[in-house]
Amino acid sequence: MLYLVPTPIGNLEDITLRALRILKEVDLIACEDTRTSGVLLNHFEIKTPRTSYHDHNETHKASQLIERMQAGQKIALITDAGSPGISDPGFYLVRECVRHDIRVEALPGPTAFVPALAASGLPSERFVFEGFLPPKKGRRTRIKALADEPRTVVLYESPHRIVKTLAQFLEVCAPERPAVVARELSKKFEEMHRGTLDELHTYFSALPRVRGEIVLLLGPDKS
């Protein structure tokens, strides 16, 4: 059996009691980065054996994990932060489990885009989650398509690309289009910047450096 266990995106108090119990009861924890996950697991005194499972070894490692689950072991998959499979490793292993008739149970829990959307002040009854934009090929095409989106658009973005992304949206959207940049959610320096695309681009362009995990939200096109 495979458990998909969300882990805190910042504040360690956000982990659920059920997640802690599962992580203690399973035979093995597959971690995106064993060192990063070690901070969380050691904090809660979880001694379960760990193994690495990430984008660069998932094909090879998935087959090993499948064999262990077929032998009766229970495995938990966790990522560095948030829910496995949501812009993080997990999809391939889940698909293989489904293909081999192995039960998959996904626990509810932390993920960055939900609190960002809920606190953004932008329409949340209908939205589209795009994850990360392509870094190069197809990027402008995707941005142009999202410019006409009648729902709120939710994206993940890296701090070193946020200014570029805002500039690219300004090329295809009205400068007064409402937008929000949520940074470091649940952490000590959490920030929620609300304004227009133009205002946010001006603000972040003036900073010497942007740090932290970012969720970018774009209000619906009302043209």
N, C-alpha and C. Protein backbone atom coordinates (compact mmCIF):
# COMPACT_ATOMS: atom_id res chain seq x y z
N MET A 1 0.84 -1.19 0.00
CA MET A 1 0.00 0.00 0.00
C MET A 1 0.88 1.24 0.00
N LEU A 2 0.42 2.27 -0.72
CA LEU A 2 1.15 3.54 -0.78
C LEU A 2 0.32 4.64 -0.13
N TYR A 3 0.96 5.37 0.79
CA TYR A 3 0.36 6.56 1.39
C TYR A 3 1.05 7.80 0.82
N LEU A 4 0.27 8.75 0.35
CA LEU A 4 0.79 10.06 -0.06
C LEU A 4 0.58 10.99 1.13
N VAL A 5 1.67 11.40 1.76
CA VAL A 5 1.59 12.15 3.01
C VAL A 5 2.09 13.59 2.81
N PRO A 6 1.20 14.57 2.88
CA PRO A 6 1.64 15.97 2.77
C PRO A 6 2.47 16.37 3.98
N THR A 7 3.47 17.20 3.75
CA THR A 7 4.30 17.71 4.83
C THR A 7 4.24 19.23 4.85
N PRO A 8 4.53 19.86 5.97
CA PRO A 8 4.40 21.32 6.09
C PRO A 8 5.20 22.07 5.03
N ILE A 9 4.63 23.17 4.56
CA ILE A 9 5.33 24.01 3.59
C ILE A 9 6.24 25.01 4.30
N GLY A 10 6.19 25.03 5.62
CA GLY A 10 7.03 25.92 6.39
C GLY A 10 6.90 25.65 7.88
N ASN A 11 5.75 25.93 8.41
CA ASN A 11 5.50 25.77 9.84
C ASN A 11 5.29 24.30 10.18
N LEU A 12 6.15 23.74 11.01
CA LEU A 12 6.08 22.32 11.33
C LEU A 12 4.80 21.94 12.06
N GLU A 13 4.10 22.91 12.65
CA GLU A 13 2.86 22.63 13.36
C GLU A 13 1.72 22.28 12.40
N ASP A 14 1.93 22.48 11.11
CA ASP A 14 0.86 22.23 10.14
C ASP A 14 0.70 20.75 9.77
N ILE A 15 1.57 19.89 10.25
CA ILE A 15 1.41 18.47 9.96
C ILE A 15 0.26 17.91 10.78
N THR A 16 -0.47 16.96 10.23
CA THR A 16 -1.64 16.42 10.93
C THR A 16 -1.25 15.24 11.83
N LEU A 17 -2.11 14.97 12.80
CA LEU A 17 -1.88 13.83 13.69
C LEU A 17 -1.89 12.53 12.90
N ARG A 18 -2.76 12.45 11.91
CA ARG A 18 -2.83 11.24 11.09
C ARG A 18 -1.55 11.04 10.30
N ALA A 19 -1.02 12.13 9.76
CA ALA A 19 0.24 12.03 9.00
C ALA A 19 1.36 11.51 9.89
N LEU A 20 1.45 12.01 11.11
CA LEU A 20 2.48 11.56 12.03
C LEU A 20 2.33 10.08 12.34
N ARG A 21 1.09 9.64 12.54
CA ARG A 21 0.86 8.23 12.84
C ARG A 21 1.27 7.34 11.67
N ILE A 22 0.87 7.73 10.45
CA ILE A 22 1.21 6.94 9.27
C ILE A 22 2.72 6.85 9.09
N LEU A 23 3.41 7.97 9.26
CA LEU A 23 4.85 7.98 9.07
C LEU A 23 5.57 7.08 10.08
N LYS A 24 4.97 6.89 11.24
CA LYS A 24 5.56 6.01 12.25
C LYS A 24 5.21 4.55 11.99
N GLU A 25 4.07 4.30 11.36
CA GLU A 25 3.60 2.93 11.20
C GLU A 25 4.09 2.23 9.93
N VAL A 26 4.40 2.99 8.88
CA VAL A 26 4.78 2.35 7.62
C VAL A 26 6.14 1.68 7.73
N ASP A 27 6.43 0.82 6.75
CA ASP A 27 7.71 0.11 6.74
C ASP A 27 8.84 0.96 6.17
N LEU A 28 8.48 1.95 5.32
CA LEU A 28 9.50 2.74 4.64
C LEU A 28 8.91 4.09 4.26
N ILE A 29 9.73 5.13 4.36
CA ILE A 29 9.34 6.46 3.91
C ILE A 29 10.21 6.83 2.71
N ALA A 30 9.58 7.07 1.56
CA ALA A 30 10.29 7.53 0.37
C ALA A 30 10.28 9.05 0.37
N CYS A 31 11.47 9.64 0.37
CA CYS A 31 11.60 11.10 0.52
C CYS A 31 12.19 11.72 -0.75
N GLU A 32 11.68 12.90 -1.11
CA GLU A 32 12.27 13.63 -2.23
C GLU A 32 13.74 13.93 -1.94
N ASP A 33 14.04 14.34 -0.72
CA ASP A 33 15.41 14.57 -0.26
C ASP A 33 15.48 14.10 1.18
N THR A 34 16.23 13.05 1.43
CA THR A 34 16.27 12.47 2.77
C THR A 34 16.83 13.44 3.81
N ARG A 35 17.72 14.34 3.38
CA ARG A 35 18.28 15.31 4.33
C ARG A 35 17.23 16.35 4.72
N THR A 36 16.52 16.86 3.73
CA THR A 36 15.48 17.84 4.01
C THR A 36 14.38 17.23 4.87
N SER A 37 13.92 16.05 4.48
CA SER A 37 12.87 15.39 5.25
C SER A 37 13.36 14.98 6.63
N GLY A 38 14.66 14.77 6.74
CA GLY A 38 15.23 14.38 8.03
C GLY A 38 14.98 15.41 9.12
N VAL A 39 14.95 16.68 8.74
CA VAL A 39 14.68 17.74 9.72
C VAL A 39 13.30 17.56 10.33
N LEU A 40 12.31 17.31 9.47
CA LEU A 40 10.94 17.10 9.94
C LEU A 40 10.83 15.80 10.75
N LEU A 41 11.34 14.72 10.20
CA LEU A 41 11.20 13.42 10.84
C LEU A 41 11.93 13.36 12.18
N ASN A 42 13.09 13.95 12.24
CA ASN A 42 13.84 13.97 13.50
C ASN A 42 13.14 14.83 14.54
N HIS A 43 12.52 15.92 14.08
CA HIS A 43 11.81 16.82 14.99
C HIS A 43 10.70 16.07 15.72
N PHE A 44 10.01 15.19 14.99
CA PHE A 44 8.91 14.44 15.58
C PHE A 44 9.33 13.03 16.02
N GLU A 45 10.64 12.80 16.08
CA GLU A 45 11.21 11.55 16.57
C GLU A 45 10.65 10.34 15.82
N ILE A 46 10.61 10.45 14.50
CA ILE A 46 10.14 9.37 13.65
C ILE A 46 11.36 8.61 13.14
N LYS A 47 11.46 7.34 13.51
CA LYS A 47 12.64 6.53 13.24
C LYS A 47 12.48 5.59 12.04
N THR A 48 11.38 5.69 11.33
CA THR A 48 11.10 4.80 10.20
C THR A 48 12.23 4.88 9.16
N PRO A 49 12.66 3.76 8.60
CA PRO A 49 13.69 3.80 7.55
C PRO A 49 13.28 4.69 6.38
N ARG A 50 14.28 5.32 5.75
CA ARG A 50 14.02 6.26 4.66
C ARG A 50 14.80 5.86 3.41
N THR A 51 14.26 6.27 2.28
CA THR A 51 14.97 6.09 1.02
C THR A 51 14.66 7.28 0.13
N SER A 52 15.51 7.57 -0.82
CA SER A 52 15.29 8.73 -1.69
C SER A 52 14.39 8.36 -2.86
N TYR A 53 13.54 9.29 -3.23
CA TYR A 53 12.68 9.14 -4.41
C TYR A 53 12.45 10.53 -4.98
N HIS A 54 13.06 10.79 -6.14
CA HIS A 54 12.98 12.14 -6.71
C HIS A 54 12.93 12.05 -8.24
N ASP A 55 12.89 13.20 -8.88
CA ASP A 55 12.72 13.26 -10.33
C ASP A 55 13.80 12.51 -11.10
N HIS A 56 14.99 12.41 -10.53
CA HIS A 56 16.11 11.83 -11.27
C HIS A 56 16.26 10.31 -11.09
N ASN A 57 15.51 9.74 -10.15
CA ASN A 57 15.63 8.30 -9.96
C ASN A 57 14.27 7.59 -9.93
N GLU A 58 13.19 8.34 -10.25
CA GLU A 58 11.85 7.79 -10.03
C GLU A 58 11.56 6.53 -10.85
N THR A 59 12.02 6.47 -12.08
CA THR A 59 11.72 5.29 -12.90
C THR A 59 12.33 4.04 -12.29
N HIS A 60 13.61 4.13 -11.95
CA HIS A 60 14.31 2.98 -11.36
C HIS A 60 13.78 2.68 -9.96
N LYS A 61 13.58 3.72 -9.16
CA LYS A 61 13.19 3.52 -7.77
C LYS A 61 11.75 3.05 -7.65
N ALA A 62 10.89 3.50 -8.57
CA ALA A 62 9.49 3.10 -8.51
C ALA A 62 9.34 1.59 -8.60
N SER A 63 10.11 0.97 -9.47
CA SER A 63 10.01 -0.49 -9.62
C SER A 63 10.40 -1.20 -8.33
N GLN A 64 11.40 -0.67 -7.62
CA GLN A 64 11.79 -1.26 -6.35
C GLN A 64 10.70 -1.10 -5.29
N LEU A 65 10.10 0.07 -5.27
CA LEU A 65 9.04 0.32 -4.29
C LEU A 65 7.81 -0.53 -4.59
N ILE A 66 7.51 -0.70 -5.88
CA ILE A 66 6.38 -1.55 -6.26
C ILE A 66 6.60 -2.98 -5.76
N GLU A 67 7.80 -3.50 -5.94
CA GLU A 67 8.12 -4.86 -5.49
C GLU A 67 7.93 -4.99 -3.97
N ARG A 68 8.35 -3.98 -3.23
CA ARG A 68 8.21 -4.03 -1.78
C ARG A 68 6.75 -4.00 -1.37
N MET A 69 5.95 -3.19 -2.06
CA MET A 69 4.52 -3.12 -1.72
C MET A 69 3.80 -4.40 -2.13
N GLN A 70 4.21 -4.99 -3.23
CA GLN A 70 3.62 -6.27 -3.64
C GLN A 70 3.95 -7.38 -2.63
N ALA A 71 5.05 -7.21 -1.92
CA ALA A 71 5.45 -8.17 -0.90
C ALA A 71 4.74 -7.92 0.43
N GLY A 72 3.91 -6.88 0.46
CA GLY A 72 3.12 -6.62 1.66
C GLY A 72 3.54 -5.42 2.48
N GLN A 73 4.59 -4.72 2.07
CA GLN A 73 5.04 -3.56 2.83
C GLN A 73 4.15 -2.34 2.56
N LYS A 74 4.09 -1.47 3.56
CA LYS A 74 3.40 -0.19 3.43
C LYS A 74 4.44 0.91 3.32
N ILE A 75 4.27 1.78 2.33
CA ILE A 75 5.24 2.83 2.06
C ILE A 75 4.55 4.19 2.05
N ALA A 76 5.21 5.17 2.66
CA ALA A 76 4.73 6.55 2.63
C ALA A 76 5.63 7.36 1.72
N LEU A 77 5.03 8.16 0.87
CA LEU A 77 5.80 9.07 0.00
C LEU A 77 5.63 10.49 0.50
N ILE A 78 6.73 11.16 0.74
CA ILE A 78 6.69 12.56 1.13
C ILE A 78 7.64 13.36 0.24
N THR A 79 7.37 14.65 0.10
CA THR A 79 8.25 15.53 -0.65
C THR A 79 8.85 16.54 0.32
N ASP A 80 9.68 17.43 -0.19
CA ASP A 80 10.32 18.41 0.68
C ASP A 80 9.30 19.27 1.41
N ALA A 81 8.18 19.55 0.75
CA ALA A 81 7.12 20.36 1.35
C ALA A 81 5.86 20.23 0.51
N GLY A 82 4.73 20.14 1.17
CA GLY A 82 3.46 20.09 0.45
C GLY A 82 3.02 18.67 0.11
N SER A 83 2.12 18.57 -0.86
CA SER A 83 1.49 17.30 -1.20
C SER A 83 2.21 16.61 -2.36
N PRO A 84 2.60 15.36 -2.19
CA PRO A 84 3.25 14.61 -3.28
C PRO A 84 2.37 14.58 -4.52
N GLY A 85 3.00 14.77 -5.68
CA GLY A 85 2.26 14.73 -6.93
C GLY A 85 1.76 16.08 -7.39
N ILE A 86 1.74 17.07 -6.50
CA ILE A 86 1.30 18.42 -6.88
C ILE A 86 2.55 19.27 -7.10
N SER A 87 2.99 19.34 -8.35
CA SER A 87 4.24 20.03 -8.71
C SER A 87 5.42 19.46 -7.94
N ASP A 88 5.34 18.20 -7.57
CA ASP A 88 6.40 17.48 -6.87
C ASP A 88 6.37 16.03 -7.33
N PRO A 89 7.43 15.26 -7.09
CA PRO A 89 7.43 13.85 -7.49
C PRO A 89 6.25 13.09 -6.88
N GLY A 90 5.72 12.13 -7.62
CA GLY A 90 4.62 11.33 -7.10
C GLY A 90 3.75 10.73 -8.18
N PHE A 91 3.53 11.47 -9.26
CA PHE A 91 2.62 11.01 -10.31
C PHE A 91 3.03 9.65 -10.87
N TYR A 92 4.30 9.51 -11.21
CA TYR A 92 4.76 8.26 -11.84
C TYR A 92 4.54 7.06 -10.92
N LEU A 93 4.89 7.20 -9.65
CA LEU A 93 4.73 6.10 -8.71
C LEU A 93 3.26 5.76 -8.51
N VAL A 94 2.41 6.76 -8.41
CA VAL A 94 0.98 6.51 -8.26
C VAL A 94 0.44 5.77 -9.48
N ARG A 95 0.85 6.20 -10.65
CA ARG A 95 0.39 5.54 -11.88
C ARG A 95 0.81 4.08 -11.90
N GLU A 96 2.04 3.81 -11.46
CA GLU A 96 2.51 2.43 -11.42
C GLU A 96 1.74 1.61 -10.39
N CYS A 97 1.42 2.22 -9.28
CA CYS A 97 0.62 1.52 -8.27
C CYS A 97 -0.76 1.16 -8.83
N VAL A 98 -1.37 2.10 -9.52
CA VAL A 98 -2.68 1.85 -10.12
C VAL A 98 -2.58 0.71 -11.13
N ARG A 99 -1.51 0.74 -11.91
CA ARG A 99 -1.31 -0.28 -12.94
C ARG A 99 -1.13 -1.67 -12.33
N HIS A 100 -0.55 -1.73 -11.12
CA HIS A 100 -0.30 -3.01 -10.47
C HIS A 100 -1.36 -3.32 -9.39
N ASP A 101 -2.45 -2.58 -9.41
CA ASP A 101 -3.55 -2.82 -8.45
C ASP A 101 -3.10 -2.71 -7.00
N ILE A 102 -2.22 -1.75 -6.74
CA ILE A 102 -1.78 -1.47 -5.37
C ILE A 102 -2.58 -0.28 -4.85
N ARG A 103 -3.11 -0.42 -3.68
CA ARG A 103 -3.96 0.64 -3.12
C ARG A 103 -3.14 1.91 -2.85
N VAL A 104 -3.71 3.05 -3.21
CA VAL A 104 -3.09 4.35 -2.95
C VAL A 104 -4.04 5.17 -2.09
N GLU A 105 -3.52 5.71 -1.01
CA GLU A 105 -4.33 6.54 -0.12
C GLU A 105 -3.64 7.89 0.05
N ALA A 106 -4.32 8.96 -0.36
CA ALA A 106 -3.76 10.31 -0.27
C ALA A 106 -4.33 11.02 0.94
N LEU A 107 -3.47 11.44 1.85
CA LEU A 107 -3.92 12.17 3.03
C LEU A 107 -4.10 13.64 2.68
N PRO A 108 -5.13 14.28 3.23
CA PRO A 108 -5.26 15.73 3.04
C PRO A 108 -4.23 16.45 3.89
N GLY A 109 -3.86 17.64 3.47
CA GLY A 109 -2.87 18.37 4.26
C GLY A 109 -2.31 19.57 3.52
N PRO A 110 -1.15 20.05 3.95
CA PRO A 110 -0.59 21.30 3.44
C PRO A 110 -0.30 21.29 1.95
N THR A 111 -0.61 22.41 1.32
CA THR A 111 -0.20 22.68 -0.06
C THR A 111 -0.22 24.19 -0.22
N ALA A 112 0.68 24.75 -0.99
CA ALA A 112 0.86 26.20 -0.99
C ALA A 112 -0.25 26.96 -1.71
N PHE A 113 -0.79 26.40 -2.80
CA PHE A 113 -1.69 27.22 -3.60
C PHE A 113 -3.05 27.45 -2.95
N VAL A 114 -3.51 26.54 -2.08
CA VAL A 114 -4.83 26.70 -1.46
C VAL A 114 -4.87 27.89 -0.49
N PRO A 115 -3.96 27.99 0.48
CA PRO A 115 -4.00 29.18 1.34
C PRO A 115 -3.72 30.48 0.59
N ALA A 116 -2.87 30.41 -0.43
CA ALA A 116 -2.60 31.61 -1.22
C ALA A 116 -3.87 32.09 -1.92
N LEU A 117 -4.61 31.17 -2.51
CA LEU A 117 -5.86 31.53 -3.19
C LEU A 117 -6.90 32.02 -2.19
N ALA A 118 -7.04 31.34 -1.07
CA ALA A 118 -8.05 31.69 -0.08
C ALA A 118 -7.82 33.09 0.48
N ALA A 119 -6.56 33.49 0.65
CA ALA A 119 -6.24 34.78 1.26
C ALA A 119 -5.98 35.88 0.23
N SER A 120 -6.05 35.55 -1.04
CA SER A 120 -5.67 36.51 -2.09
C SER A 120 -6.66 37.65 -2.26
N GLY A 121 -7.94 37.37 -2.02
CA GLY A 121 -8.96 38.36 -2.32
C GLY A 121 -9.44 38.30 -3.76
N LEU A 122 -8.89 37.38 -4.54
CA LEU A 122 -9.31 37.17 -5.93
C LEU A 122 -10.42 36.12 -5.95
N PRO A 123 -11.26 36.11 -6.99
CA PRO A 123 -12.34 35.11 -7.07
C PRO A 123 -11.81 33.69 -6.93
N SER A 124 -12.41 32.92 -6.04
CA SER A 124 -11.91 31.58 -5.76
C SER A 124 -12.92 30.48 -6.05
N GLU A 125 -14.13 30.85 -6.50
CA GLU A 125 -15.11 29.81 -6.77
C GLU A 125 -14.77 29.02 -8.03
N ARG A 126 -14.00 29.63 -8.93
CA ARG A 126 -13.51 28.95 -10.12
C ARG A 126 -12.07 29.41 -10.34
N PHE A 127 -11.16 28.45 -10.49
CA PHE A 127 -9.76 28.81 -10.71
C PHE A 127 -9.07 27.71 -11.49
N VAL A 128 -7.91 28.04 -12.04
CA VAL A 128 -7.11 27.06 -12.76
C VAL A 128 -5.70 27.07 -12.14
N PHE A 129 -5.24 25.86 -11.79
CA PHE A 129 -3.91 25.72 -11.21
C PHE A 129 -2.96 25.24 -12.30
N GLU A 130 -1.94 26.03 -12.58
CA GLU A 130 -1.01 25.72 -13.66
C GLU A 130 0.33 25.18 -13.18
N GLY A 131 0.55 25.15 -11.88
CA GLY A 131 1.85 24.68 -11.39
C GLY A 131 2.96 25.62 -11.86
N PHE A 132 4.09 25.06 -12.25
CA PHE A 132 5.20 25.85 -12.78
C PHE A 132 5.06 26.02 -14.29
N LEU A 133 5.32 27.21 -14.78
CA LEU A 133 5.36 27.44 -16.22
C LEU A 133 6.60 26.76 -16.80
N PRO A 134 6.56 26.39 -18.09
CA PRO A 134 7.76 25.86 -18.72
C PRO A 134 8.89 26.89 -18.62
N PRO A 135 10.10 26.48 -18.26
CA PRO A 135 11.19 27.45 -18.12
C PRO A 135 11.60 28.09 -19.43
N LYS A 136 11.46 27.36 -20.55
CA LYS A 136 11.88 27.90 -21.84
C LYS A 136 10.86 27.58 -22.93
N LYS A 137 10.95 26.41 -23.52
CA LYS A 137 10.09 26.05 -24.64
C LYS A 137 8.61 26.04 -24.24
N GLY A 138 7.81 26.78 -24.99
CA GLY A 138 6.38 26.81 -24.75
C GLY A 138 5.94 27.79 -23.68
N ARG A 139 6.88 28.49 -23.07
CA ARG A 139 6.55 29.39 -21.98
C ARG A 139 5.66 30.55 -22.43
N ARG A 140 6.08 31.25 -23.48
CA ARG A 140 5.30 32.40 -23.96
C ARG A 140 3.93 31.98 -24.47
N THR A 141 3.86 30.83 -25.10
CA THR A 141 2.58 30.33 -25.59
C THR A 141 1.62 30.08 -24.43
N ARG A 142 2.13 29.50 -23.36
CA ARG A 142 1.30 29.23 -22.18
C ARG A 142 0.84 30.53 -21.53
N ILE A 143 1.73 31.48 -21.41
CA ILE A 143 1.39 32.77 -20.81
C ILE A 143 0.32 33.49 -21.64
N LYS A 144 0.47 33.45 -22.95
CA LYS A 144 -0.52 34.09 -23.81
C LYS A 144 -1.89 33.45 -23.66
N ALA A 145 -1.93 32.13 -23.52
CA ALA A 145 -3.20 31.43 -23.34
C ALA A 145 -3.84 31.79 -22.00
N LEU A 146 -3.02 31.93 -20.96
CA LEU A 146 -3.54 32.26 -19.64
C LEU A 146 -4.04 33.69 -19.56
N ALA A 147 -3.58 34.54 -20.45
CA ALA A 147 -4.01 35.94 -20.44
C ALA A 147 -5.50 36.08 -20.68
N ASP A 148 -6.08 35.14 -21.40
CA ASP A 148 -7.51 35.19 -21.70
C ASP A 148 -8.35 34.31 -20.77
N GLU A 149 -7.74 33.80 -19.73
CA GLU A 149 -8.43 32.87 -18.82
C GLU A 149 -9.50 33.60 -18.00
N PRO A 150 -10.77 33.14 -18.05
CA PRO A 150 -11.84 33.80 -17.29
C PRO A 150 -11.88 33.39 -15.82
N ARG A 151 -10.98 32.49 -15.42
CA ARG A 151 -10.89 32.09 -14.01
C ARG A 151 -9.61 32.64 -13.41
N THR A 152 -9.55 32.66 -12.09
CA THR A 152 -8.31 33.05 -11.43
C THR A 152 -7.22 32.03 -11.75
N VAL A 153 -6.05 32.52 -12.12
CA VAL A 153 -4.92 31.65 -12.47
C VAL A 153 -3.97 31.57 -11.28
N VAL A 154 -3.58 30.36 -10.92
CA VAL A 154 -2.65 30.14 -9.80
C VAL A 154 -1.40 29.45 -10.33
N LEU A 155 -0.25 30.03 -10.05
CA LEU A 155 1.03 29.50 -10.54
C LEU A 155 2.03 29.39 -9.40
N TYR A 156 2.96 28.47 -9.54
CA TYR A 156 4.14 28.46 -8.70
C TYR A 156 5.27 29.12 -9.49
N GLU A 157 6.12 29.87 -8.80
CA GLU A 157 7.23 30.50 -9.49
C GLU A 157 8.43 30.58 -8.58
N SER A 158 9.61 30.51 -9.18
CA SER A 158 10.84 30.62 -8.39
C SER A 158 11.16 32.09 -8.17
N PRO A 159 11.84 32.43 -7.07
CA PRO A 159 12.12 33.83 -6.78
C PRO A 159 12.97 34.53 -7.83
N HIS A 160 13.88 33.80 -8.48
CA HIS A 160 14.75 34.45 -9.45
C HIS A 160 14.07 34.66 -10.80
N ARG A 161 12.82 34.14 -10.97
CA ARG A 161 12.11 34.34 -12.23
C ARG A 161 10.85 35.19 -12.09
N ILE A 162 10.51 35.61 -10.87
CA ILE A 162 9.23 36.28 -10.66
C ILE A 162 9.15 37.60 -11.42
N VAL A 163 10.22 38.37 -11.46
CA VAL A 163 10.20 39.65 -12.18
C VAL A 163 10.00 39.41 -13.67
N LYS A 164 10.71 38.43 -14.21
CA LYS A 164 10.57 38.08 -15.63
C LYS A 164 9.15 37.63 -15.95
N THR A 165 8.57 36.83 -15.07
CA THR A 165 7.21 36.33 -15.30
C THR A 165 6.20 37.46 -15.29
N LEU A 166 6.31 38.36 -14.32
CA LEU A 166 5.40 39.51 -14.27
C LEU A 166 5.54 40.35 -15.54
N ALA A 167 6.78 40.54 -16.00
CA ALA A 167 7.01 41.31 -17.23
C ALA A 167 6.38 40.63 -18.44
N GLN A 168 6.47 39.31 -18.50
CA GLN A 168 5.90 38.58 -19.63
C GLN A 168 4.37 38.63 -19.61
N PHE A 169 3.77 38.60 -18.44
CA PHE A 169 2.32 38.76 -18.37
C PHE A 169 1.90 40.17 -18.77
N LEU A 170 2.73 41.15 -18.44
CA LEU A 170 2.42 42.54 -18.82
C LEU A 170 2.44 42.72 -20.34
N GLU A 171 3.17 41.87 -21.03
CA GLU A 171 3.22 41.97 -22.49
C GLU A 171 1.90 41.56 -23.14
N VAL A 172 1.10 40.74 -22.44
CA VAL A 172 -0.13 40.22 -23.04
C VAL A 172 -1.38 40.56 -22.23
N CYS A 173 -1.22 41.19 -21.08
CA CYS A 173 -2.35 41.54 -20.22
C CYS A 173 -2.38 43.05 -19.99
N ALA A 174 -3.55 43.55 -19.62
CA ALA A 174 -3.67 44.96 -19.26
C ALA A 174 -2.86 45.22 -17.99
N PRO A 175 -2.18 46.36 -17.89
CA PRO A 175 -1.35 46.64 -16.72
C PRO A 175 -2.15 46.70 -15.42
N GLU A 176 -3.46 47.02 -15.53
CA GLU A 176 -4.28 47.11 -14.33
C GLU A 176 -4.91 45.76 -13.92
N ARG A 177 -4.51 44.69 -14.59
CA ARG A 177 -5.03 43.35 -14.24
C ARG A 177 -4.66 43.03 -12.79
N PRO A 178 -5.63 42.67 -11.95
CA PRO A 178 -5.32 42.37 -10.55
C PRO A 178 -4.47 41.12 -10.42
N ALA A 179 -3.55 41.16 -9.48
CA ALA A 179 -2.65 40.02 -9.26
C ALA A 179 -2.19 40.02 -7.81
N VAL A 180 -1.68 38.88 -7.39
CA VAL A 180 -1.18 38.72 -6.02
C VAL A 180 0.09 37.87 -6.06
N VAL A 181 1.07 38.26 -5.29
CA VAL A 181 2.26 37.45 -5.10
C VAL A 181 2.32 37.06 -3.62
N ALA A 182 2.17 35.77 -3.36
CA ALA A 182 2.26 35.24 -1.99
C ALA A 182 3.64 34.61 -1.81
N ARG A 183 4.32 35.01 -0.75
CA ARG A 183 5.71 34.56 -0.56
C ARG A 183 5.90 33.97 0.83
N GLU A 184 6.60 32.86 0.89
CA GLU A 184 6.97 32.24 2.17
C GLU A 184 5.75 31.94 3.05
N LEU A 185 4.71 31.36 2.47
CA LEU A 185 3.50 31.06 3.21
C LEU A 185 3.78 30.15 4.41
N SER A 186 3.19 30.49 5.54
CA SER A 186 3.27 29.78 6.82
C SER A 186 4.62 29.95 7.52
N LYS A 187 5.53 30.69 6.91
CA LYS A 187 6.85 30.87 7.49
C LYS A 187 6.95 32.23 8.20
N LYS A 188 8.07 32.47 8.85
CA LYS A 188 8.26 33.67 9.65
C LYS A 188 8.10 34.95 8.83
N PHE A 189 8.58 34.94 7.59
CA PHE A 189 8.54 36.16 6.77
C PHE A 189 7.46 36.09 5.70
N GLU A 190 6.34 35.47 6.02
CA GLU A 190 5.22 35.38 5.07
C GLU A 190 4.77 36.76 4.63
N GLU A 191 4.54 36.90 3.32
CA GLU A 191 4.07 38.17 2.75
C GLU A 191 3.02 37.90 1.69
N MET A 192 2.06 38.81 1.60
CA MET A 192 1.03 38.74 0.57
C MET A 192 0.97 40.12 -0.09
N HIS A 193 1.46 40.21 -1.31
CA HIS A 193 1.48 41.48 -2.04
C HIS A 193 0.32 41.49 -3.04
N ARG A 194 -0.61 42.42 -2.85
CA ARG A 194 -1.78 42.54 -3.73
C ARG A 194 -1.69 43.84 -4.50
N GLY A 195 -2.12 43.81 -5.75
CA GLY A 195 -2.10 45.02 -6.56
C GLY A 195 -2.39 44.70 -8.01
N THR A 196 -1.94 45.56 -8.91
CA THR A 196 -2.06 45.28 -10.33
C THR A 196 -0.76 44.64 -10.83
N LEU A 197 -0.82 44.08 -12.01
CA LEU A 197 0.40 43.51 -12.59
C LEU A 197 1.50 44.55 -12.67
N ASP A 198 1.15 45.75 -13.09
CA ASP A 198 2.13 46.81 -13.22
C ASP A 198 2.73 47.19 -11.87
N GLU A 199 1.89 47.30 -10.85
CA GLU A 199 2.37 47.66 -9.51
C GLU A 199 3.30 46.59 -8.95
N LEU A 200 2.92 45.34 -9.13
CA LEU A 200 3.74 44.25 -8.60
C LEU A 200 5.07 44.14 -9.34
N HIS A 201 5.03 44.36 -10.66
CA HIS A 201 6.27 44.33 -11.43
C HIS A 201 7.21 45.44 -10.97
N THR A 202 6.66 46.62 -10.75
CA THR A 202 7.46 47.75 -10.29
C THR A 202 8.07 47.46 -8.92
N TYR A 203 7.27 46.90 -8.04
CA TYR A 203 7.74 46.62 -6.67
C TYR A 203 8.86 45.59 -6.67
N PHE A 204 8.65 44.46 -7.32
CA PHE A 204 9.65 43.40 -7.27
C PHE A 204 10.88 43.73 -8.11
N SER A 205 10.72 44.55 -9.13
CA SER A 205 11.87 44.96 -9.94
C SER A 205 12.83 45.82 -9.12
N ALA A 206 12.29 46.54 -8.14
CA ALA A 206 13.11 47.46 -7.34
C ALA A 206 13.86 46.75 -6.22
N LEU A 207 13.51 45.51 -5.94
CA LEU A 207 14.18 44.79 -4.86
C LEU A 207 15.54 44.28 -5.31
N PRO A 208 16.55 44.36 -4.45
CA PRO A 208 17.88 43.85 -4.84
C PRO A 208 17.88 42.34 -5.04
N ARG A 209 16.99 41.67 -4.31
CA ARG A 209 16.92 40.21 -4.42
C ARG A 209 15.58 39.72 -3.89
N VAL A 210 15.01 38.74 -4.57
CA VAL A 210 13.76 38.14 -4.11
C VAL A 210 14.08 36.74 -3.61
N ARG A 211 13.55 36.40 -2.45
CA ARG A 211 13.82 35.09 -1.86
C ARG A 211 12.51 34.36 -1.52
N GLY A 212 12.63 33.08 -1.30
CA GLY A 212 11.51 32.30 -0.79
C GLY A 212 10.64 31.67 -1.86
N GLU A 213 9.76 30.77 -1.39
CA GLU A 213 8.82 30.10 -2.28
C GLU A 213 7.69 31.07 -2.63
N ILE A 214 7.27 31.06 -3.90
CA ILE A 214 6.30 32.05 -4.37
C ILE A 214 5.11 31.39 -5.05
N VAL A 215 3.91 31.92 -4.75
CA VAL A 215 2.70 31.60 -5.48
C VAL A 215 2.24 32.89 -6.15
N LEU A 216 2.06 32.83 -7.46
CA LEU A 216 1.58 33.98 -8.23
C LEU A 216 0.14 33.73 -8.65
N LEU A 217 -0.73 34.71 -8.37
CA LEU A 217 -2.14 34.60 -8.74
C LEU A 217 -2.52 35.74 -9.65
N LEU A 218 -3.23 35.42 -10.69
CA LEU A 218 -3.66 36.41 -11.68
C LEU A 218 -5.17 36.43 -11.72
N GLY A 219 -5.75 37.62 -11.52
CA GLY A 219 -7.20 37.74 -11.54
C GLY A 219 -7.77 37.41 -12.91
N PRO A 220 -9.07 37.07 -12.96
CA PRO A 220 -9.71 36.69 -14.23
C PRO A 220 -9.70 37.81 -15.26
N ASP A 221 -9.62 37.42 -16.53
CA ASP A 221 -9.72 38.39 -17.62
C ASP A 221 -11.19 38.81 -17.75
N LYS A 222 -11.46 40.09 -17.69
CA LYS A 222 -12.84 40.57 -17.75
C LYS A 222 -13.11 41.35 -19.03
N SER A 223 -12.27 41.17 -20.02
CA SER A 223 -12.45 41.88 -21.28
C SER A 223 -13.55 41.24 -22.12
